Amino acid sequence: MELFGGFMIMSILLGLFFAAVWLSLPVLLLGLRRQIMESHTTLIRLEGRIARLEQQILHHQASANQSAESIDTVSGGIDGTVER
């Protein structure tokens, strides 16, 4: 009889524990979903910023290449003192 009583007390305690966990799961999952959505929005904004930075870098490199091609390079250098 004593064994049966101990088993019942343990099963009641475990049942209360599992019920508390089971009832708190929806609240926890909703909070987690909100955080995931905020992280997703932040990642989308960061991807946009990175794409704009890449475009600016490519534009800067293209303009730097165009200005470098327009420099007249003479075999003696700009002032003619290279091969002296």
N, C-alpha and C. Protein backbone atom coordinates (compact mmCIF):
# COMPACT_ATOMS: atom_id res chain seq x y z
N MET A 1 0.82 -1.18 0.00
CA MET A 1 0.00 0.00 0.00
C MET A 1 0.88 1.26 0.00
N GLU A 2 1.95 1.16 0.75
CA GLU A 2 2.85 2.29 0.82
C GLU A 2 3.51 2.56 -0.53
N LEU A 3 3.83 1.52 -1.26
CA LEU A 3 4.41 1.64 -2.60
C LEU A 3 3.42 2.29 -3.56
N PHE A 4 2.17 1.90 -3.49
CA PHE A 4 1.14 2.46 -4.34
C PHE A 4 0.93 3.96 -4.04
N GLY A 5 0.96 4.35 -2.78
CA GLY A 5 0.81 5.75 -2.40
C GLY A 5 1.98 6.60 -2.91
N GLY A 6 3.19 6.07 -2.80
CA GLY A 6 4.36 6.79 -3.32
C GLY A 6 4.29 6.95 -4.83
N PHE A 7 3.84 5.89 -5.49
CA PHE A 7 3.69 5.96 -6.94
C PHE A 7 2.66 7.02 -7.33
N MET A 8 1.56 7.09 -6.62
CA MET A 8 0.51 8.07 -6.92
C MET A 8 1.00 9.50 -6.68
N ILE A 9 1.71 9.72 -5.61
CA ILE A 9 2.23 11.07 -5.32
C ILE A 9 3.22 11.50 -6.41
N MET A 10 4.11 10.58 -6.79
CA MET A 10 5.08 10.91 -7.84
C MET A 10 4.39 11.16 -9.17
N SER A 11 3.38 10.37 -9.50
CA SER A 11 2.68 10.57 -10.76
C SER A 11 1.90 11.88 -10.75
N ILE A 12 1.35 12.28 -9.62
CA ILE A 12 0.65 13.56 -9.53
C ILE A 12 1.64 14.72 -9.71
N LEU A 13 2.79 14.63 -9.05
CA LEU A 13 3.80 15.68 -9.19
C LEU A 13 4.31 15.78 -10.62
N LEU A 14 4.60 14.64 -11.24
CA LEU A 14 5.04 14.64 -12.63
C LEU A 14 3.95 15.17 -13.55
N GLY A 15 2.71 14.81 -13.30
CA GLY A 15 1.59 15.30 -14.11
C GLY A 15 1.45 16.81 -14.00
N LEU A 16 1.59 17.37 -12.79
CA LEU A 16 1.53 18.82 -12.63
C LEU A 16 2.69 19.51 -13.36
N PHE A 17 3.86 18.91 -13.30
CA PHE A 17 5.02 19.47 -13.98
C PHE A 17 4.81 19.49 -15.50
N PHE A 18 4.38 18.34 -16.04
CA PHE A 18 4.15 18.27 -17.49
C PHE A 18 3.00 19.17 -17.92
N ALA A 19 1.98 19.33 -17.09
CA ALA A 19 0.87 20.23 -17.42
C ALA A 19 1.35 21.68 -17.46
N ALA A 20 2.21 22.05 -16.52
CA ALA A 20 2.74 23.42 -16.52
C ALA A 20 3.57 23.68 -17.77
N VAL A 21 4.39 22.70 -18.14
CA VAL A 21 5.20 22.86 -19.35
C VAL A 21 4.30 22.92 -20.59
N TRP A 22 3.32 22.05 -20.66
CA TRP A 22 2.43 21.98 -21.82
C TRP A 22 1.60 23.26 -21.97
N LEU A 23 1.16 23.83 -20.85
CA LEU A 23 0.37 25.05 -20.93
C LEU A 23 1.21 26.29 -21.21
N SER A 24 2.50 26.27 -20.89
CA SER A 24 3.35 27.43 -21.14
C SER A 24 3.96 27.41 -22.54
N LEU A 25 3.89 26.29 -23.24
CA LEU A 25 4.50 26.20 -24.57
C LEU A 25 3.92 27.19 -25.58
N PRO A 26 2.60 27.37 -25.68
CA PRO A 26 2.10 28.34 -26.67
C PRO A 26 2.62 29.76 -26.44
N VAL A 27 2.71 30.18 -25.18
CA VAL A 27 3.22 31.52 -24.88
C VAL A 27 4.67 31.62 -25.29
N LEU A 28 5.46 30.61 -24.99
CA LEU A 28 6.87 30.62 -25.36
C LEU A 28 7.06 30.61 -26.87
N LEU A 29 6.26 29.81 -27.57
CA LEU A 29 6.39 29.73 -29.02
C LEU A 29 5.97 31.03 -29.69
N LEU A 30 4.95 31.70 -29.19
CA LEU A 30 4.55 32.98 -29.76
C LEU A 30 5.63 34.03 -29.56
N GLY A 31 6.25 34.04 -28.39
CA GLY A 31 7.34 34.96 -28.15
C GLY A 31 8.53 34.67 -29.05
N LEU A 32 8.83 33.40 -29.25
CA LEU A 32 9.93 33.01 -30.12
C LEU A 32 9.64 33.38 -31.56
N ARG A 33 8.39 33.23 -31.98
CA ARG A 33 8.01 33.58 -33.34
C ARG A 33 8.20 35.08 -33.58
N ARG A 34 7.84 35.90 -32.62
CA ARG A 34 8.02 37.34 -32.74
C ARG A 34 9.49 37.70 -32.89
N GLN A 35 10.35 37.07 -32.11
CA GLN A 35 11.78 37.34 -32.20
C GLN A 35 12.35 36.89 -33.54
N ILE A 36 11.87 35.75 -34.04
CA ILE A 36 12.34 35.27 -35.34
C ILE A 36 11.92 36.22 -36.45
N MET A 37 10.70 36.73 -36.39
CA MET A 37 10.23 37.67 -37.41
C MET A 37 11.04 38.97 -37.37
N GLU A 38 11.37 39.46 -36.18
CA GLU A 38 12.19 40.66 -36.07
C GLU A 38 13.59 40.42 -36.64
N SER A 39 14.15 39.24 -36.36
CA SER A 39 15.47 38.90 -36.90
C SER A 39 15.42 38.81 -38.42
N HIS A 40 14.34 38.25 -38.95
CA HIS A 40 14.17 38.14 -40.39
C HIS A 40 14.11 39.52 -41.04
N THR A 41 13.36 40.43 -40.44
CA THR A 41 13.26 41.80 -40.96
C THR A 41 14.62 42.49 -40.93
N THR A 42 15.36 42.30 -39.86
CA THR A 42 16.69 42.90 -39.75
C THR A 42 17.63 42.33 -40.81
N LEU A 43 17.56 41.03 -41.05
CA LEU A 43 18.41 40.42 -42.07
C LEU A 43 18.07 40.93 -43.46
N ILE A 44 16.80 41.14 -43.75
CA ILE A 44 16.41 41.67 -45.06
C ILE A 44 16.97 43.09 -45.24
N ARG A 45 16.87 43.91 -44.19
CA ARG A 45 17.42 45.26 -44.28
C ARG A 45 18.94 45.23 -44.47
N LEU A 46 19.62 44.32 -43.76
CA LEU A 46 21.08 44.21 -43.90
C LEU A 46 21.47 43.76 -45.30
N GLU A 47 20.72 42.84 -45.88
CA GLU A 47 21.00 42.39 -47.25
C GLU A 47 20.86 43.55 -48.22
N GLY A 48 19.85 44.39 -48.03
CA GLY A 48 19.68 45.55 -48.89
C GLY A 48 20.83 46.52 -48.76
N ARG A 49 21.27 46.75 -47.53
CA ARG A 49 22.40 47.66 -47.32
C ARG A 49 23.68 47.11 -47.93
N ILE A 50 23.90 45.81 -47.81
CA ILE A 50 25.09 45.20 -48.40
C ILE A 50 25.04 45.30 -49.92
N ALA A 51 23.87 45.08 -50.50
CA ALA A 51 23.73 45.20 -51.97
C ALA A 51 24.02 46.63 -52.42
N ARG A 52 23.52 47.62 -51.68
CA ARG A 52 23.80 49.01 -52.04
C ARG A 52 25.29 49.33 -51.91
N LEU A 53 25.94 48.80 -50.86
CA LEU A 53 27.38 49.01 -50.71
C LEU A 53 28.16 48.37 -51.85
N GLU A 54 27.76 47.17 -52.26
CA GLU A 54 28.43 46.51 -53.38
C GLU A 54 28.29 47.34 -54.65
N GLN A 55 27.10 47.89 -54.89
CA GLN A 55 26.90 48.72 -56.07
C GLN A 55 27.77 49.98 -56.00
N GLN A 56 27.87 50.58 -54.83
CA GLN A 56 28.72 51.76 -54.69
C GLN A 56 30.18 51.43 -54.93
N ILE A 57 30.63 50.29 -54.43
CA ILE A 57 32.02 49.88 -54.63
C ILE A 57 32.29 49.63 -56.10
N LEU A 58 31.38 48.91 -56.77
CA LEU A 58 31.56 48.65 -58.20
C LEU A 58 31.56 49.95 -59.00
N HIS A 59 30.69 50.87 -58.65
CA HIS A 59 30.65 52.16 -59.34
C HIS A 59 31.94 52.94 -59.10
N HIS A 60 32.43 52.90 -57.86
CA HIS A 60 33.68 53.60 -57.53
C HIS A 60 34.86 52.98 -58.29
N GLN A 61 34.91 51.65 -58.35
CA GLN A 61 35.99 50.98 -59.08
C GLN A 61 35.93 51.30 -60.56
N ALA A 62 34.72 51.33 -61.12
CA ALA A 62 34.58 51.63 -62.54
C ALA A 62 35.02 53.06 -62.84
N SER A 63 34.66 54.00 -61.98
CA SER A 63 35.09 55.39 -62.21
C SER A 63 36.59 55.54 -61.99
N ALA A 64 37.18 54.77 -61.08
CA ALA A 64 38.62 54.82 -60.85
C ALA A 64 39.36 54.26 -62.07
N ASN A 65 38.82 53.19 -62.66
CA ASN A 65 39.46 52.61 -63.85
C ASN A 65 39.37 53.57 -65.03
N GLN A 66 38.27 54.27 -65.18
CA GLN A 66 38.12 55.21 -66.28
C GLN A 66 39.09 56.38 -66.11
N SER A 67 39.25 56.86 -64.89
CA SER A 67 40.17 57.98 -64.69
C SER A 67 41.62 57.53 -64.85
N ALA A 68 41.94 56.29 -64.53
CA ALA A 68 43.30 55.79 -64.70
C ALA A 68 43.61 55.60 -66.17
N GLU A 69 42.64 55.25 -66.99
CA GLU A 69 42.88 55.07 -68.42
C GLU A 69 43.09 56.40 -69.11
N SER A 70 42.54 57.46 -68.55
CA SER A 70 42.66 58.76 -69.20
C SER A 70 44.00 59.44 -68.93
N ILE A 71 44.81 58.90 -68.01
CA ILE A 71 46.12 59.49 -67.73
C ILE A 71 47.07 59.13 -68.86
N ASP A 72 47.75 60.13 -69.40
CA ASP A 72 48.69 59.89 -70.49
C ASP A 72 50.02 59.45 -69.88
N THR A 73 50.40 58.21 -70.16
CA THR A 73 51.67 57.71 -69.61
C THR A 73 52.73 57.78 -70.70
N VAL A 74 53.75 58.50 -70.43
CA VAL A 74 54.87 58.64 -71.33
C VAL A 74 55.96 57.71 -70.84
N SER A 75 56.80 57.21 -71.73
CA SER A 75 57.82 56.23 -71.32
C SER A 75 58.78 56.81 -70.31
N GLY A 76 58.97 58.09 -70.28
CA GLY A 76 59.88 58.70 -69.34
C GLY A 76 59.21 59.16 -68.08
N GLY A 77 57.95 58.82 -67.88
CA GLY A 77 57.23 59.29 -66.71
C GLY A 77 56.56 60.62 -67.01
N ILE A 78 55.91 61.17 -66.05
CA ILE A 78 55.18 62.41 -66.26
C ILE A 78 56.15 63.57 -66.50
N ASP A 79 57.22 63.63 -65.74
CA ASP A 79 58.16 64.75 -65.88
C ASP A 79 59.41 64.37 -66.68
N GLY A 80 59.46 63.13 -67.19
CA GLY A 80 60.59 62.73 -68.03
C GLY A 80 61.86 62.36 -67.29
N THR A 81 61.78 62.09 -65.99
CA THR A 81 62.99 61.81 -65.21
C THR A 81 63.15 60.34 -64.84
N VAL A 82 62.35 59.44 -65.42
CA VAL A 82 62.40 58.06 -64.98
C VAL A 82 63.66 57.35 -65.47
N GLU A 83 64.02 57.51 -66.73
CA GLU A 83 65.12 56.71 -67.27
C GLU A 83 66.41 57.52 -67.36
N ARG A 84 66.73 58.28 -66.41
CA ARG A 84 67.99 59.06 -66.43
C ARG A 84 69.08 58.31 -65.76
